[in-house]
Amino acid sequence: MGAQTIRFLIQLAFAFLALAAVVFVPAPYGPTLGFLLLVFGLWLGRRVFQKIATLDEVKADLRQRADDGP
């Protein structure tokens, strides 16, 4: 399993946790907790990717981002 796949799975898991927090935790704490979980998941996925990715995976990721555009 590549670093990009692991990053995606981490971010997906935190996105589902954030969605569950918004649905099950009463306002105003649910949306706040959901937002924090989502941001933390994006940050953690990026940090894990930077730690375990090989140089070729980093180059491929940057190439894909450049191809996708803004």
C-alpha atoms as a PDB file:
ATOM      1  CA  MET A   1       0.000   0.000   0.000  1.00  0.00           C
ATOM      2  CA  GLY A   2       1.487   3.309  -1.069  1.00  0.00           C
ATOM      3  CA  ALA A   3       1.855   6.490   0.930  1.00  0.00           C
ATOM      4  CA  GLN A   4      -0.824   8.224  -1.117  1.00  0.00           C
ATOM      5  CA  THR A   5      -3.325   5.457  -0.303  1.00  0.00           C
ATOM      6  CA  ILE A   6      -2.525   5.638   3.398  1.00  0.00           C
ATOM      7  CA  ARG A   7      -2.954   9.428   3.333  1.00  0.00           C
ATOM      8  CA  PHE A   8      -6.321   9.040   1.619  1.00  0.00           C
ATOM      9  CA  LEU A   9      -7.541   6.438   4.131  1.00  0.00           C
ATOM     10  CA  ILE A  10      -6.519   8.608   7.096  1.00  0.00           C
ATOM     11  CA  GLN A  11      -8.294  11.627   5.638  1.00  0.00           C
ATOM     12  CA  LEU A  12     -11.385   9.568   4.800  1.00  0.00           C
ATOM     13  CA  ALA A  13     -11.567   8.124   8.323  1.00  0.00           C
ATOM     14  CA  PHE A  14     -11.373  11.576   9.893  1.00  0.00           C
ATOM     15  CA  ALA A  15     -13.978  12.903   7.444  1.00  0.00           C
ATOM     16  CA  PHE A  16     -16.398  10.175   8.544  1.00  0.00           C
ATOM     17  CA  LEU A  17     -15.624  10.924  12.200  1.00  0.00           C
ATOM     18  CA  ALA A  18     -16.303  14.602  11.559  1.00  0.00           C
ATOM     19  CA  LEU A  19     -19.612  13.770   9.896  1.00  0.00           C
ATOM     20  CA  ALA A  20     -20.610  11.571  12.830  1.00  0.00           C
ATOM     21  CA  ALA A  21     -19.676  14.346  15.269  1.00  0.00           C
ATOM     22  CA  VAL A  22     -21.859  16.849  13.404  1.00  0.00           C
ATOM     23  CA  VAL A  23     -24.796  14.433  13.384  1.00  0.00           C
ATOM     24  CA  PHE A  24     -24.611  13.008  16.910  1.00  0.00           C
ATOM     25  CA  VAL A  25     -23.092  15.759  19.076  1.00  0.00           C
ATOM     26  CA  PRO A  26     -25.473  18.608  19.925  1.00  0.00           C
ATOM     27  CA  ALA A  27     -24.879  22.104  18.564  1.00  0.00           C
ATOM     28  CA  PRO A  28     -22.693  24.163  18.889  1.00  0.00           C
ATOM     29  CA  TYR A  29     -20.172  21.482  19.890  1.00  0.00           C
ATOM     30  CA  GLY A  30     -20.932  19.069  17.042  1.00  0.00           C
ATOM     31  CA  PRO A  31     -20.049  21.352  14.125  1.00  0.00           C
ATOM     32  CA  THR A  32     -17.034  22.698  15.994  1.00  0.00           C
ATOM     33  CA  LEU A  33     -15.758  19.220  16.803  1.00  0.00           C
ATOM     34  CA  GLY A  34     -16.470  18.090  13.241  1.00  0.00           C
ATOM     35  CA  PHE A  35     -14.505  20.985  11.797  1.00  0.00           C
ATOM     36  CA  LEU A  36     -11.562  20.328  14.123  1.00  0.00           C
ATOM     37  CA  LEU A  37     -11.561  16.617  13.283  1.00  0.00           C
ATOM     38  CA  LEU A  38     -11.630  17.385   9.576  1.00  0.00           C
ATOM     39  CA  VAL A  39      -8.723  19.830   9.787  1.00  0.00           C
ATOM     40  CA  PHE A  40      -6.728  17.481  12.019  1.00  0.00           C
ATOM     41  CA  GLY A  41      -7.315  14.594   9.588  1.00  0.00           C
ATOM     42  CA  LEU A  42      -6.063  16.647   6.651  1.00  0.00           C
ATOM     43  CA  TRP A  43      -3.008  17.722   8.646  1.00  0.00           C
ATOM     44  CA  LEU A  44      -2.273  14.205   9.921  1.00  0.00           C
ATOM     45  CA  GLY A  45      -2.649  12.679   6.454  1.00  0.00           C
ATOM     46  CA  ARG A  46      -0.167  15.167   5.049  1.00  0.00           C
ATOM     47  CA  ARG A  47       2.338  14.568   7.877  1.00  0.00           C
ATOM     48  CA  VAL A  48       2.133  10.789   7.489  1.00  0.00           C
ATOM     49  CA  PHE A  49       2.557  11.109   3.726  1.00  0.00           C
ATOM     50  CA  GLN A  50       5.676  13.268   4.186  1.00  0.00           C
ATOM     51  CA  LYS A  51       7.174  10.757   6.630  1.00  0.00           C
ATOM     52  CA  ILE A  52       6.677   7.556   4.637  1.00  0.00           C
ATOM     53  CA  ALA A  53       6.642   8.661   1.000  1.00  0.00           C
ATOM     54  CA  THR A  54       9.578   7.860  -1.228  1.00  0.00           C
ATOM     55  CA  LEU A  55      11.023  10.461  -3.549  1.00  0.00           C
ATOM     56  CA  ASP A  56       9.249   8.898  -6.539  1.00  0.00           C
ATOM     57  CA  GLU A  57       5.882   9.066  -4.744  1.00  0.00           C
ATOM     58  CA  VAL A  58       6.425  12.720  -3.865  1.00  0.00           C
ATOM     59  CA  LYS A  59       7.307  13.537  -7.473  1.00  0.00           C
ATOM     60  CA  ALA A  60       4.235  11.682  -8.721  1.00  0.00           C
ATOM     61  CA  ASP A  61       2.035  13.520  -6.228  1.00  0.00           C
ATOM     62  CA  LEU A  62       3.397  16.900  -7.278  1.00  0.00           C
ATOM     63  CA  ARG A  63       3.004  15.988 -10.942  1.00  0.00           C
ATOM     64  CA  GLN A  64      -0.605  14.976 -10.366  1.00  0.00           C
ATOM     65  CA  ARG A  65      -1.331  18.239  -8.538  1.00  0.00           C
ATOM     66  CA  ALA A  66       0.181  20.244 -11.390  1.00  0.00           C
ATOM     67  CA  ASP A  67      -1.847  18.296 -13.955  1.00  0.00           C
ATOM     68  CA  ASP A  68      -5.114  18.780 -12.018  1.00  0.00           C
ATOM     69  CA  GLY A  69      -4.595  22.533 -11.838  1.00  0.00           C
ATOM     70  CA  PRO A  70      -6.367  24.977  -9.543  1.00  0.00           C
END
